[in-house]
Amino acid sequence: MSEFAILADVTCDLDAELQEKYNIHVIPGHMTLPDKREMETLPEWTLFTREEFYTDLKKRPNEYTTSPPNVQAFTDVFTQYAAKGCPVIVLTISGGMSGTFNFATQAKKAALAQYPDAVIHCVDSLRFGPGLGLMAMYASMKRAEGKTIEETVEWLESNKNRFHQAGWLDDLSFVAKKGRLTHAKAFFGALAGVKPLGEFDYNGLTTVIGKARGAKAAYAALLSYIEETIEDAEDQVIVIAQTNRLPQAEEYKRLIEEKFHPKEVLIRDVYPSCGINIGPGLMAAYYIGEPISEGLEKERAIMEKYLGA
């Protein structure tokens, strides 16, 4: 196995089990609670359960805030590995959503000032949450195959636009409150029974590419969409993320397993570092497929075809 470390910022949502399985180091972030307490965050439930967190977040969406690892946090981690002579790859949340990638690149400069021979690669994932986490898992798989750090970075940069999201977020009004969508768009997400269906866009943000009326229609459209965009489904690990939508995620898993027979389908929580900005109502699958088109023209057309039917 090639000897290098894989790091990801806290928004990867890789829990302790997956961190251990894939040997990935997660760099903590921070959040501020409604009572103004600040605390370090990792992908875990400590102060509250998933249900408690998302129930309270829905009531007080503007009283929770997050901040990413800062330059010093990244520098501390980079220098720890540099002191051991261990090369590193760090994957960060999409630069279109956060300044985390810039913090990492500044920290790289600081670490290289202390350890000029250190090998540090910073990768803007153009993804967030389980999309970022899945990318880190695939980096680990490449390492296990014996790929060098340079080959792994090249694969990540060449393939990151192939990491898809296919799911719904049934509370767009929450996302609008966080400034991620206009209130006009959020209105459609508030209609009874309407499921806004989202995909990563070319720049790593989530965009609504269709709206289904009811869960049954949404599942059918999503499965057809995955079928047209996924590649080598039987060789994949697919991650389903949910923010307090576990029954829906379990049904989605069953349907995906029946239709595509992947190696594994994992259901995972979205933890506070991402959840505070997503809110309750997310249920989505993450997988590798065809490159996503600029402007999502191809993806919209696929979704419209099945929603129209």
Protein backbone atom coordinates (compact mmCIF):
# COMPACT_ATOMS: atom_id res chain seq x y z
CA MET A 1 0.00 0.00 0.00
CA SER A 2 1.26 3.48 -0.84
CA GLU A 3 2.17 5.42 2.26
CA PHE A 4 0.36 8.75 2.40
CA ALA A 5 -2.38 10.21 4.56
CA ILE A 6 -5.86 11.24 3.41
CA LEU A 7 -7.47 14.12 5.26
CA ALA A 8 -10.90 15.71 4.90
CA ASP A 9 -12.54 18.63 6.62
CA VAL A 10 -15.44 18.02 9.00
CA THR A 11 -18.11 18.57 6.35
CA CYS A 12 -17.29 15.17 4.81
CA ASP A 13 -19.74 13.58 7.30
CA LEU A 14 -17.59 10.43 7.60
CA ASP A 15 -18.45 8.93 10.97
CA ALA A 16 -15.94 7.12 13.18
CA GLU A 17 -16.67 3.75 11.57
CA LEU A 18 -15.91 4.97 8.05
CA GLN A 19 -12.90 6.98 9.22
CA GLU A 20 -11.40 3.80 10.65
CA LYS A 21 -12.38 1.56 7.74
CA TYR A 22 -10.87 3.87 5.12
CA ASN A 23 -8.10 5.34 7.31
CA ILE A 24 -9.17 8.95 6.79
CA HIS A 25 -8.30 11.76 9.22
CA VAL A 26 -11.15 14.27 9.70
CA ILE A 27 -10.22 17.83 10.69
CA PRO A 28 -12.77 19.32 13.14
CA GLY A 29 -14.75 22.50 12.62
CA HIS A 30 -16.76 24.62 15.05
CA MET A 31 -20.36 25.54 15.69
CA THR A 32 -22.16 28.04 17.87
CA LEU A 33 -25.29 26.88 19.72
CA PRO A 34 -28.39 28.97 20.45
CA ASP A 35 -27.09 29.62 23.99
CA LYS A 36 -23.93 31.12 22.38
CA ARG A 37 -21.68 28.26 23.45
CA GLU A 38 -18.99 27.46 20.91
CA MET A 39 -17.82 23.91 20.46
CA GLU A 40 -15.62 21.79 18.22
CA THR A 41 -17.52 19.58 15.81
CA LEU A 42 -16.81 16.18 14.30
CA PRO A 43 -19.15 13.80 12.44
CA GLU A 44 -20.73 12.43 15.60
CA TRP A 45 -23.67 13.01 17.93
CA THR A 46 -22.54 14.24 21.33
CA LEU A 47 -24.85 16.83 22.91
CA PHE A 48 -28.01 15.55 21.24
CA THR A 49 -29.46 12.81 19.05
CA ARG A 50 -30.16 13.30 15.37
CA GLU A 51 -33.86 13.72 16.10
CA GLU A 52 -33.28 16.25 18.89
CA PHE A 53 -30.88 18.29 16.79
CA TYR A 54 -33.03 18.56 13.67
CA THR A 55 -36.23 19.19 15.66
CA ASP A 56 -34.61 22.12 17.46
CA LEU A 57 -32.85 23.35 14.31
CA LYS A 58 -36.18 23.58 12.52
CA LYS A 59 -37.53 25.75 15.34
CA ARG A 60 -34.44 27.98 15.58
CA PRO A 61 -32.66 27.85 12.21
CA ASN A 62 -30.88 31.17 12.63
CA GLU A 63 -29.54 30.45 16.11
CA TYR A 64 -27.07 27.78 15.01
CA THR A 65 -23.95 28.77 13.07
CA THR A 66 -20.86 26.97 11.83
CA SER A 67 -17.26 27.80 11.01
CA PRO A 68 -14.69 25.64 9.19
CA PRO A 69 -11.24 24.65 10.41
CA ASN A 70 -9.11 27.80 10.28
CA VAL A 71 -5.63 28.23 8.83
CA GLN A 72 -3.98 27.37 12.13
CA ALA A 73 -5.97 24.16 12.49
CA PHE A 74 -4.91 23.00 9.05
CA THR A 75 -1.31 24.09 9.68
CA ASP A 76 -1.15 22.11 12.92
CA VAL A 77 -2.31 18.94 11.18
CA PHE A 78 -0.05 19.42 8.16
CA THR A 79 3.03 19.96 10.31
CA GLN A 80 2.25 16.86 12.40
CA TYR A 81 2.37 14.73 9.26
CA ALA A 82 5.32 16.65 7.80
CA ALA A 83 7.34 16.03 10.96
CA LYS A 84 6.82 12.29 10.39
CA GLY A 85 7.74 12.58 6.72
CA CYS A 86 4.24 11.47 5.68
CA PRO A 87 2.78 13.02 2.49
CA VAL A 88 -0.86 14.14 2.68
CA ILE A 89 -3.89 14.81 0.53
CA VAL A 90 -6.56 17.04 2.06
CA LEU A 91 -10.02 17.29 0.52
CA THR A 92 -12.19 20.27 1.39
CA ILE A 93 -15.78 21.34 0.95
CA SER A 94 -16.59 23.09 -2.34
CA GLY A 95 -14.85 26.44 -2.69
CA GLY A 96 -18.15 27.75 -4.06
CA MET A 97 -19.72 27.32 -0.63
CA SER A 98 -16.91 28.01 1.83
CA GLY A 99 -13.46 29.51 2.23
CA THR A 100 -12.13 26.23 3.62
CA PHE A 101 -10.05 25.40 0.53
CA ASN A 102 -8.34 28.78 0.75
CA PHE A 103 -7.58 28.17 4.44
CA ALA A 104 -6.01 24.83 3.53
CA THR A 105 -3.84 26.33 0.79
CA GLN A 106 -2.66 29.09 3.15
CA ALA A 107 -1.85 26.44 5.74
CA LYS A 108 0.12 24.48 3.14
CA LYS A 109 2.36 27.51 2.61
CA ALA A 110 2.85 27.88 6.35
CA ALA A 111 3.69 24.19 6.77
CA LEU A 112 6.15 24.26 3.85
CA ALA A 113 7.91 27.22 5.46
CA GLN A 114 8.69 24.91 8.40
CA TYR A 115 9.14 21.70 6.40
CA PRO A 116 10.25 22.59 2.85
CA ASP A 117 10.36 18.96 1.75
CA ALA A 118 6.82 18.17 2.89
CA VAL A 119 4.38 16.83 0.28
CA ILE A 120 0.93 18.37 0.71
CA HIS A 121 -1.83 18.29 -1.91
CA CYS A 122 -5.01 20.36 -1.40
CA VAL A 123 -8.06 19.28 -3.43
CA ASP A 124 -11.20 21.39 -3.75
CA SER A 125 -13.78 18.61 -3.92
CA LEU A 126 -16.48 20.84 -5.46
CA ARG A 127 -18.76 18.80 -3.23
CA PHE A 128 -20.01 18.82 0.37
CA GLY A 129 -21.32 16.40 2.96
CA PRO A 130 -21.51 12.77 1.84
CA GLY A 131 -20.46 13.77 -1.69
CA LEU A 132 -17.14 14.94 -0.23
CA GLY A 133 -17.02 11.92 2.06
CA LEU A 134 -17.55 9.50 -0.82
CA MET A 135 -14.73 11.17 -2.74
CA ALA A 136 -12.40 10.71 0.24
CA MET A 137 -13.44 7.04 0.41
CA TYR A 138 -12.52 6.58 -3.24
CA ALA A 139 -9.17 8.26 -2.62
CA SER A 140 -8.59 5.64 0.07
CA MET A 141 -9.55 2.88 -2.37
CA LYS A 142 -7.01 4.21 -4.88
CA ARG A 143 -4.37 4.20 -2.16
CA ALA A 144 -5.26 0.60 -1.30
CA GLU A 145 -4.84 -0.32 -4.98
CA GLY A 146 -1.25 0.90 -4.72
CA LYS A 147 -1.67 4.24 -6.47
CA THR A 148 0.92 6.87 -5.60
CA ILE A 149 -0.14 10.14 -4.02
CA GLU A 150 0.36 11.91 -7.36
CA GLU A 151 -1.75 9.33 -9.20
CA THR A 152 -4.48 9.60 -6.58
CA VAL A 153 -4.56 13.41 -6.78
CA GLU A 154 -4.69 13.21 -10.58
CA TRP A 155 -7.62 10.77 -10.36
CA LEU A 156 -9.49 13.04 -7.93
CA GLU A 157 -9.00 16.14 -10.07
CA SER A 158 -10.05 14.29 -13.23
CA ASN A 159 -13.09 12.58 -11.74
CA LYS A 160 -14.58 14.90 -9.10
CA ASN A 161 -17.17 16.16 -11.57
CA ARG A 162 -18.46 12.58 -11.84
CA PHE A 163 -19.68 12.45 -8.23
CA HIS A 164 -23.47 12.80 -8.39
CA GLN A 165 -26.26 13.61 -5.97
CA ALA A 166 -29.74 12.23 -6.65
CA GLY A 167 -32.33 12.96 -4.01
CA TRP A 168 -34.73 15.45 -2.56
CA LEU A 169 -34.79 18.23 -0.02
CA ASP A 170 -38.37 18.67 1.07
CA ASP A 171 -37.85 21.83 3.14
CA LEU A 172 -36.37 24.40 0.76
CA SER A 173 -37.79 27.17 2.94
CA PHE A 174 -35.11 26.30 5.50
CA VAL A 175 -32.32 26.53 2.94
CA ALA A 176 -33.71 29.87 1.78
CA LYS A 177 -33.45 31.21 5.33
CA LYS A 178 -29.76 30.34 5.19
CA GLY A 179 -29.37 32.36 1.99
CA ARG A 180 -28.78 29.34 -0.24
CA LEU A 181 -31.95 29.72 -2.35
CA THR A 182 -34.33 32.54 -3.18
CA HIS A 183 -37.62 32.58 -1.31
CA ALA A 184 -39.42 32.28 -4.65
CA LYS A 185 -37.74 28.94 -5.27
CA ALA A 186 -38.36 27.90 -1.69
CA PHE A 187 -42.10 28.42 -2.18
CA PHE A 188 -42.25 25.41 -4.50
CA GLY A 189 -40.59 23.29 -1.85
CA ALA A 190 -43.27 24.28 0.65
CA LEU A 191 -46.16 23.00 -1.47
CA ALA A 192 -47.77 19.95 0.09
CA GLY A 193 -46.36 16.75 -1.32
CA VAL A 194 -43.86 18.38 -3.71
CA LYS A 195 -40.36 16.89 -3.66
CA PRO A 196 -37.69 19.18 -5.18
CA LEU A 197 -35.08 16.89 -6.77
CA GLY A 198 -31.48 18.08 -6.65
CA GLU A 199 -28.13 17.41 -8.31
CA PHE A 200 -24.66 18.90 -7.94
CA ASP A 201 -24.02 21.53 -10.57
CA TYR A 202 -20.81 22.10 -12.52
CA ASN A 203 -19.45 24.33 -9.75
CA GLY A 204 -20.33 22.03 -6.86
CA LEU A 205 -23.55 23.65 -5.64
CA THR A 206 -26.86 21.82 -5.40
CA THR A 207 -29.48 22.84 -7.95
CA VAL A 208 -33.10 21.74 -8.25
CA ILE A 209 -33.48 19.96 -11.60
CA GLY A 210 -37.08 18.81 -11.20
CA LYS A 211 -40.06 18.59 -8.87
CA ALA A 212 -42.07 15.44 -8.23
CA ARG A 213 -45.46 15.29 -6.59
CA GLY A 214 -45.28 12.69 -3.87
CA ALA A 215 -42.64 10.27 -2.69
CA LYS A 216 -43.66 7.47 -5.08
CA ALA A 217 -43.14 9.66 -8.15
CA ALA A 218 -39.91 11.02 -6.68
CA TYR A 219 -38.43 7.56 -6.08
CA ALA A 220 -39.36 6.46 -9.61
CA ALA A 221 -37.81 9.54 -11.22
CA LEU A 222 -34.66 9.30 -9.11
CA LEU A 223 -34.11 5.62 -9.92
CA SER A 224 -34.51 6.32 -13.63
CA TYR A 225 -32.17 9.29 -13.34
CA ILE A 226 -29.53 7.18 -11.60
CA GLU A 227 -29.90 4.48 -14.25
CA GLU A 228 -29.10 7.00 -17.01
CA THR A 229 -26.18 8.64 -15.22
CA ILE A 230 -24.43 5.94 -13.17
CA GLU A 231 -21.46 3.94 -14.48
CA ASP A 232 -20.57 0.39 -13.43
CA ALA A 233 -23.21 0.34 -10.71
CA GLU A 234 -22.36 -3.17 -9.52
CA ASP A 235 -18.80 -2.09 -8.67
CA GLN A 236 -19.82 0.92 -6.58
CA VAL A 237 -20.29 1.90 -2.97
CA ILE A 238 -23.33 4.21 -2.86
CA VAL A 239 -23.98 6.46 0.11
CA ILE A 240 -27.47 7.65 1.05
CA ALA A 241 -27.54 10.71 3.30
CA GLN A 242 -30.48 11.85 5.35
CA THR A 243 -31.28 14.65 7.76
CA ASN A 244 -33.93 13.06 9.96
CA ARG A 245 -35.49 11.17 7.04
CA LEU A 246 -34.35 7.65 7.99
CA PRO A 247 -37.50 5.72 6.89
CA GLN A 248 -37.33 7.34 3.44
CA ALA A 249 -33.60 6.58 3.21
CA GLU A 250 -34.21 2.94 4.10
CA GLU A 251 -36.82 2.64 1.35
CA TYR A 252 -34.45 4.32 -1.13
CA LYS A 253 -31.72 1.86 -0.17
CA ARG A 254 -34.04 -1.08 -0.78
CA LEU A 255 -35.01 0.22 -4.21
CA ILE A 256 -31.40 0.96 -5.21
CA GLU A 257 -30.23 -2.48 -4.11
CA GLU A 258 -33.03 -4.19 -6.02
CA LYS A 259 -32.41 -2.24 -9.23
CA PHE A 260 -28.62 -1.80 -9.37
CA HIS A 261 -27.04 -4.45 -7.08
CA PRO A 262 -24.07 -2.28 -6.03
CA LYS A 263 -21.26 -3.58 -3.84
CA GLU A 264 -22.70 -1.72 -0.86
CA VAL A 265 -25.31 0.90 -0.01
CA LEU A 266 -24.61 2.87 3.15
CA ILE A 267 -27.10 5.08 4.96
CA ARG A 268 -25.41 7.86 6.86
CA ASP A 269 -26.45 10.90 8.89
CA VAL A 270 -25.64 14.46 7.99
CA TYR A 271 -23.99 15.94 11.07
CA PRO A 272 -24.23 19.52 12.37
CA SER A 273 -21.36 21.03 10.34
CA CYS A 274 -23.39 20.48 7.16
CA GLY A 275 -26.80 19.95 8.71
CA ILE A 276 -27.02 23.48 10.11
CA ASN A 277 -26.94 24.82 6.55
CA ILE A 278 -29.10 22.08 5.01
CA GLY A 279 -31.79 21.59 7.62
CA PRO A 280 -34.23 18.71 7.95
CA GLY A 281 -35.67 17.06 4.86
CA LEU A 282 -32.63 15.86 2.88
CA MET A 283 -32.68 12.32 1.49
CA ALA A 284 -30.19 11.75 -1.32
CA ALA A 285 -27.91 9.13 -2.89
CA TYR A 286 -24.30 9.82 -3.86
CA TYR A 287 -22.52 7.81 -6.55
CA ILE A 288 -20.10 8.00 -9.50
CA GLY A 289 -21.43 8.44 -13.00
CA GLU A 290 -21.03 10.34 -16.23
CA PRO A 291 -19.45 13.81 -16.00
CA ILE A 292 -21.99 16.44 -15.01
CA SER A 293 -22.70 18.90 -17.81
CA GLU A 294 -22.06 22.60 -17.50
CA GLY A 295 -25.39 24.27 -16.82
CA LEU A 296 -27.01 20.89 -16.03
CA GLU A 297 -28.79 20.91 -19.40
CA LYS A 298 -28.36 17.16 -19.89
CA GLU A 299 -29.36 16.34 -16.32
CA ARG A 300 -32.47 18.53 -16.44
CA ALA A 301 -33.54 16.88 -19.68
CA ILE A 302 -33.19 13.41 -18.18
CA MET A 303 -35.21 14.34 -15.12
CA GLU A 304 -37.90 16.14 -17.12
CA LYS A 305 -38.30 13.06 -19.31
CA TYR A 306 -39.20 10.88 -16.36
CA LEU A 307 -41.22 13.45 -14.46
CA GLY A 308 -43.20 14.12 -17.61
CA ALA A 309 -43.94 10.44 -17.97
